[in-house]
Amino acid sequence: MPCGKKAALATQGSLAQQRNRRGRQLGRGLATRSGALVVDRLCSGTTQRPAALPPLVRAAAQPLDLDADKRGRTGWRIEAGGGHVEEVHGLLGPGYHVHGKD
């Protein structure tokens, strides 16, 4: 997300093809049936997805009370490249479903 100099967690040079622009990363967890925003995390523009995804998943699992049965009915949609193999396996291991772009 592009932002100004004084925005929280703004870092320079994190946006492709926009020189000297500042930006930050936004991670959201949505409950699609209810349309509720479960978790909303803001990270610096230089934060890589492998570092941001596990805390986001843990933060979303707490209010939803995801036990083993519910994890089997929970899908994660990962934007911006679909994730690395380790990230996908990290979500598949506990029983989540994963949808990503490559």
N, C-alpha and C. Protein backbone atom coordinates (compact mmCIF):
# COMPACT_ATOMS: atom_id res chain seq x y z
N MET A 1 0.84 -1.17 0.00
CA MET A 1 0.00 0.00 0.00
C MET A 1 0.88 1.24 0.00
N PRO A 2 0.71 2.11 -0.95
CA PRO A 2 1.46 3.36 -0.92
C PRO A 2 0.98 4.23 0.24
N CYS A 3 1.90 5.00 0.80
CA CYS A 3 1.55 5.87 1.93
C CYS A 3 2.52 7.04 1.98
N GLY A 4 2.27 7.95 2.88
CA GLY A 4 3.12 9.12 3.06
C GLY A 4 4.26 8.86 4.03
N LYS A 5 5.14 9.85 4.16
CA LYS A 5 6.32 9.73 5.02
C LYS A 5 5.97 9.48 6.48
N LYS A 6 4.92 10.09 6.97
CA LYS A 6 4.59 10.02 8.39
C LYS A 6 3.66 8.87 8.74
N ALA A 7 3.28 8.06 7.80
CA ALA A 7 2.38 6.94 8.08
C ALA A 7 3.09 5.88 8.93
N ALA A 8 2.33 5.19 9.73
CA ALA A 8 2.89 4.15 10.60
C ALA A 8 3.51 3.05 9.75
N LEU A 9 4.72 2.63 10.11
CA LEU A 9 5.46 1.53 9.47
C LEU A 9 5.81 1.78 8.00
N ALA A 10 5.84 3.03 7.58
CA ALA A 10 6.19 3.35 6.20
C ALA A 10 7.68 3.13 5.97
N THR A 11 8.02 2.48 4.87
CA THR A 11 9.42 2.30 4.49
C THR A 11 9.58 2.68 3.03
N GLN A 12 10.73 3.21 2.70
CA GLN A 12 10.99 3.68 1.35
C GLN A 12 11.46 2.55 0.46
N GLY A 13 11.05 2.60 -0.80
CA GLY A 13 11.55 1.67 -1.80
C GLY A 13 10.90 0.31 -1.79
N SER A 14 9.72 0.18 -1.22
CA SER A 14 9.08 -1.12 -1.15
C SER A 14 8.04 -1.33 -2.25
N LEU A 15 7.85 -0.36 -3.11
CA LEU A 15 6.85 -0.48 -4.18
C LEU A 15 7.55 -0.60 -5.53
N ALA A 16 7.16 -1.60 -6.27
CA ALA A 16 7.77 -1.83 -7.57
C ALA A 16 7.42 -0.71 -8.55
N GLN A 17 8.37 -0.28 -9.31
CA GLN A 17 8.24 0.69 -10.39
C GLN A 17 7.73 2.05 -9.94
N GLN A 18 7.92 2.39 -8.67
CA GLN A 18 7.59 3.72 -8.16
C GLN A 18 8.76 4.19 -7.32
N ARG A 19 9.71 4.85 -7.97
CA ARG A 19 10.93 5.29 -7.29
C ARG A 19 10.61 6.26 -6.16
N ASN A 20 11.36 6.13 -5.08
CA ASN A 20 11.27 7.03 -3.93
C ASN A 20 9.87 7.09 -3.32
N ARG A 21 9.11 6.06 -3.49
CA ARG A 21 7.77 5.99 -2.91
C ARG A 21 7.81 5.18 -1.62
N ARG A 22 7.04 5.55 -0.64
CA ARG A 22 6.97 4.82 0.62
C ARG A 22 5.74 3.92 0.62
N GLY A 23 5.88 2.80 1.34
CA GLY A 23 4.75 1.88 1.39
C GLY A 23 4.78 1.03 2.64
N ARG A 24 3.74 0.23 2.80
CA ARG A 24 3.63 -0.72 3.91
C ARG A 24 2.74 -1.88 3.49
N GLN A 25 2.82 -2.97 4.23
CA GLN A 25 2.08 -4.19 3.91
C GLN A 25 0.85 -4.28 4.81
N LEU A 26 -0.24 -4.80 4.26
CA LEU A 26 -1.46 -4.99 5.03
C LEU A 26 -1.89 -6.44 4.91
N GLY A 27 -2.09 -7.10 6.04
CA GLY A 27 -2.59 -8.47 6.06
C GLY A 27 -3.94 -8.51 6.74
N ARG A 28 -4.92 -9.16 6.09
CA ARG A 28 -6.27 -9.22 6.64
C ARG A 28 -6.78 -10.63 6.66
N GLY A 29 -7.55 -10.93 7.68
CA GLY A 29 -8.26 -12.20 7.77
C GLY A 29 -9.75 -11.91 7.82
N LEU A 30 -10.50 -12.44 6.86
CA LEU A 30 -11.94 -12.20 6.77
C LEU A 30 -12.70 -13.49 6.97
N ALA A 31 -13.81 -13.42 7.70
CA ALA A 31 -14.73 -14.55 7.80
C ALA A 31 -15.76 -14.36 6.70
N THR A 32 -15.71 -15.19 5.66
CA THR A 32 -16.53 -14.94 4.48
C THR A 32 -18.02 -15.14 4.72
N ARG A 33 -18.40 -16.07 5.58
CA ARG A 33 -19.84 -16.27 5.82
C ARG A 33 -20.48 -15.07 6.48
N SER A 34 -19.82 -14.52 7.47
CA SER A 34 -20.40 -13.38 8.19
C SER A 34 -19.93 -12.05 7.62
N GLY A 35 -18.86 -12.06 6.83
CA GLY A 35 -18.31 -10.84 6.29
C GLY A 35 -17.54 -10.02 7.32
N ALA A 36 -17.24 -10.64 8.45
CA ALA A 36 -16.56 -9.92 9.53
C ALA A 36 -15.05 -9.90 9.31
N LEU A 37 -14.44 -8.80 9.68
CA LEU A 37 -12.99 -8.67 9.66
C LEU A 37 -12.45 -9.26 10.96
N VAL A 38 -11.75 -10.38 10.86
CA VAL A 38 -11.27 -11.09 12.04
C VAL A 38 -9.96 -10.52 12.54
N VAL A 39 -9.03 -10.25 11.63
CA VAL A 39 -7.74 -9.71 12.01
C VAL A 39 -7.27 -8.76 10.92
N ASP A 40 -6.61 -7.70 11.34
CA ASP A 40 -6.11 -6.68 10.42
C ASP A 40 -4.73 -6.27 10.94
N ARG A 41 -3.67 -6.66 10.22
CA ARG A 41 -2.30 -6.40 10.68
C ARG A 41 -1.58 -5.51 9.68
N LEU A 42 -0.88 -4.54 10.19
CA LEU A 42 -0.08 -3.64 9.39
C LEU A 42 1.39 -3.94 9.64
N CYS A 43 2.15 -4.14 8.56
CA CYS A 43 3.59 -4.43 8.66
C CYS A 43 4.35 -3.41 7.83
N SER A 44 5.63 -3.28 8.11
CA SER A 44 6.45 -2.36 7.33
C SER A 44 6.53 -2.84 5.89
N GLY A 45 6.87 -1.95 5.00
CA GLY A 45 6.93 -2.28 3.58
C GLY A 45 8.01 -3.28 3.23
N THR A 46 8.98 -3.47 4.10
CA THR A 46 10.06 -4.41 3.81
C THR A 46 9.82 -5.78 4.45
N THR A 47 8.71 -5.96 5.15
CA THR A 47 8.41 -7.25 5.77
C THR A 47 8.08 -8.27 4.69
N GLN A 48 8.72 -9.41 4.76
CA GLN A 48 8.49 -10.48 3.79
C GLN A 48 7.32 -11.35 4.26
N ARG A 49 6.60 -11.92 3.32
CA ARG A 49 5.44 -12.74 3.63
C ARG A 49 5.74 -13.91 4.55
N PRO A 50 6.87 -14.63 4.40
CA PRO A 50 7.13 -15.73 5.32
C PRO A 50 7.19 -15.30 6.79
N ALA A 51 7.58 -14.06 7.05
CA ALA A 51 7.62 -13.57 8.43
C ALA A 51 6.26 -13.07 8.90
N ALA A 52 5.41 -12.63 7.99
CA ALA A 52 4.13 -12.04 8.35
C ALA A 52 2.99 -13.04 8.40
N LEU A 53 3.06 -14.12 7.63
CA LEU A 53 1.92 -15.03 7.52
C LEU A 53 1.64 -15.84 8.78
N PRO A 54 2.62 -16.50 9.42
CA PRO A 54 2.29 -17.30 10.61
C PRO A 54 1.65 -16.50 11.75
N PRO A 55 2.15 -15.28 12.09
CA PRO A 55 1.45 -14.52 13.13
C PRO A 55 0.03 -14.12 12.72
N LEU A 56 -0.18 -13.86 11.44
CA LEU A 56 -1.51 -13.50 10.95
C LEU A 56 -2.46 -14.69 11.10
N VAL A 57 -2.00 -15.89 10.78
CA VAL A 57 -2.82 -17.09 10.90
C VAL A 57 -3.15 -17.34 12.38
N ARG A 58 -2.17 -17.22 13.26
CA ARG A 58 -2.41 -17.43 14.69
C ARG A 58 -3.40 -16.40 15.24
N ALA A 59 -3.26 -15.15 14.80
CA ALA A 59 -4.15 -14.09 15.28
C ALA A 59 -5.59 -14.31 14.80
N ALA A 60 -5.76 -14.85 13.60
CA ALA A 60 -7.09 -15.10 13.07
C ALA A 60 -7.72 -16.34 13.71
N ALA A 61 -6.90 -17.31 14.08
CA ALA A 61 -7.42 -18.56 14.65
C ALA A 61 -7.98 -18.35 16.06
N GLN A 62 -7.47 -17.40 16.82
CA GLN A 62 -7.93 -17.19 18.19
C GLN A 62 -9.39 -16.76 18.28
N PRO A 63 -9.83 -15.70 17.61
CA PRO A 63 -11.24 -15.30 17.75
C PRO A 63 -12.21 -16.29 17.08
N LEU A 64 -11.73 -17.03 16.09
CA LEU A 64 -12.59 -18.01 15.42
C LEU A 64 -12.65 -19.34 16.14
N ASP A 65 -11.78 -19.52 17.16
CA ASP A 65 -11.72 -20.77 17.93
C ASP A 65 -11.62 -21.97 17.00
N LEU A 66 -10.56 -21.99 16.19
CA LEU A 66 -10.40 -23.03 15.18
C LEU A 66 -9.81 -24.31 15.77
N ASP A 67 -10.67 -25.30 15.99
CA ASP A 67 -10.19 -26.62 16.41
C ASP A 67 -9.90 -27.44 15.15
N ALA A 68 -9.54 -28.70 15.31
CA ALA A 68 -9.15 -29.54 14.17
C ALA A 68 -10.28 -29.67 13.15
N ASP A 69 -11.52 -29.78 13.61
CA ASP A 69 -12.65 -29.92 12.70
C ASP A 69 -12.88 -28.64 11.89
N LYS A 70 -12.80 -27.50 12.56
CA LYS A 70 -13.02 -26.21 11.89
C LYS A 70 -11.87 -25.88 10.93
N ARG A 71 -10.64 -26.28 11.28
CA ARG A 71 -9.51 -26.02 10.37
C ARG A 71 -9.70 -26.74 9.05
N GLY A 72 -10.34 -27.90 9.07
CA GLY A 72 -10.60 -28.63 7.83
C GLY A 72 -11.60 -27.94 6.93
N ARG A 73 -12.36 -27.00 7.49
CA ARG A 73 -13.33 -26.23 6.69
C ARG A 73 -12.90 -24.79 6.49
N THR A 74 -11.62 -24.50 6.81
CA THR A 74 -11.10 -23.13 6.70
C THR A 74 -10.11 -23.05 5.55
N GLY A 75 -10.32 -22.07 4.69
CA GLY A 75 -9.41 -21.87 3.56
C GLY A 75 -8.68 -20.54 3.68
N TRP A 76 -7.42 -20.53 3.28
CA TRP A 76 -6.61 -19.32 3.25
C TRP A 76 -6.33 -18.96 1.81
N ARG A 77 -6.62 -17.73 1.45
CA ARG A 77 -6.32 -17.23 0.11
C ARG A 77 -5.12 -16.32 0.23
N ILE A 78 -4.05 -16.66 -0.46
CA ILE A 78 -2.81 -15.90 -0.38
C ILE A 78 -2.60 -15.19 -1.71
N GLU A 79 -2.51 -13.88 -1.64
CA GLU A 79 -2.29 -13.06 -2.83
C GLU A 79 -0.80 -12.88 -3.08
N ALA A 80 -0.47 -12.20 -4.15
CA ALA A 80 0.89 -11.76 -4.49
C ALA A 80 1.86 -12.92 -4.63
N GLY A 81 1.58 -13.82 -5.54
CA GLY A 81 2.54 -14.88 -5.84
C GLY A 81 2.20 -16.23 -5.26
N GLY A 82 1.25 -16.31 -4.37
CA GLY A 82 0.81 -17.60 -3.87
C GLY A 82 1.62 -18.20 -2.75
N GLY A 83 2.76 -17.66 -2.44
CA GLY A 83 3.55 -18.18 -1.33
C GLY A 83 4.57 -19.20 -1.75
N HIS A 84 5.53 -19.41 -0.89
CA HIS A 84 6.56 -20.42 -1.11
C HIS A 84 6.03 -21.77 -0.68
N VAL A 85 6.69 -22.82 -1.09
CA VAL A 85 6.27 -24.17 -0.75
C VAL A 85 6.20 -24.35 0.77
N GLU A 86 7.17 -23.79 1.50
CA GLU A 86 7.19 -23.92 2.95
C GLU A 86 5.98 -23.26 3.58
N GLU A 87 5.55 -22.11 3.05
CA GLU A 87 4.38 -21.42 3.57
C GLU A 87 3.12 -22.24 3.35
N VAL A 88 2.98 -22.78 2.16
CA VAL A 88 1.81 -23.58 1.83
C VAL A 88 1.77 -24.84 2.71
N HIS A 89 2.91 -25.50 2.86
CA HIS A 89 2.96 -26.69 3.71
C HIS A 89 2.70 -26.35 5.17
N GLY A 90 3.12 -25.16 5.60
CA GLY A 90 2.85 -24.72 6.96
C GLY A 90 1.37 -24.55 7.24
N LEU A 91 0.59 -24.22 6.21
CA LEU A 91 -0.86 -24.12 6.38
C LEU A 91 -1.55 -25.46 6.16
N LEU A 92 -1.03 -26.28 5.27
CA LEU A 92 -1.64 -27.58 5.02
C LEU A 92 -1.43 -28.55 6.18
N GLY A 93 -0.31 -28.42 6.88
CA GLY A 93 0.00 -29.32 7.99
C GLY A 93 -1.08 -29.36 9.06
N PRO A 94 -1.55 -28.19 9.56
CA PRO A 94 -2.61 -28.20 10.57
C PRO A 94 -4.00 -28.55 10.00
N GLY A 95 -4.11 -28.67 8.68
CA GLY A 95 -5.39 -29.07 8.09
C GLY A 95 -6.15 -27.99 7.35
N TYR A 96 -5.56 -26.81 7.17
CA TYR A 96 -6.22 -25.75 6.42
C TYR A 96 -6.22 -26.06 4.93
N HIS A 97 -7.10 -25.40 4.19
CA HIS A 97 -7.08 -25.42 2.73
C HIS A 97 -6.40 -24.13 2.28
N VAL A 98 -5.71 -24.18 1.14
CA VAL A 98 -4.96 -23.02 0.66
C VAL A 98 -5.32 -22.75 -0.79
N HIS A 99 -5.56 -21.49 -1.10
CA HIS A 99 -5.79 -21.02 -2.47
C HIS A 99 -4.81 -19.89 -2.71
N GLY A 100 -3.99 -20.02 -3.73
CA GLY A 100 -2.99 -18.99 -4.00
C GLY A 100 -2.81 -18.78 -5.48
N LYS A 101 -2.18 -17.67 -5.82
CA LYS A 101 -1.83 -17.35 -7.20
C LYS A 101 -0.36 -17.63 -7.41
N ASP A 102 0.01 -18.02 -8.59
CA ASP A 102 1.42 -18.23 -8.90
C ASP A 102 1.73 -17.50 -10.18
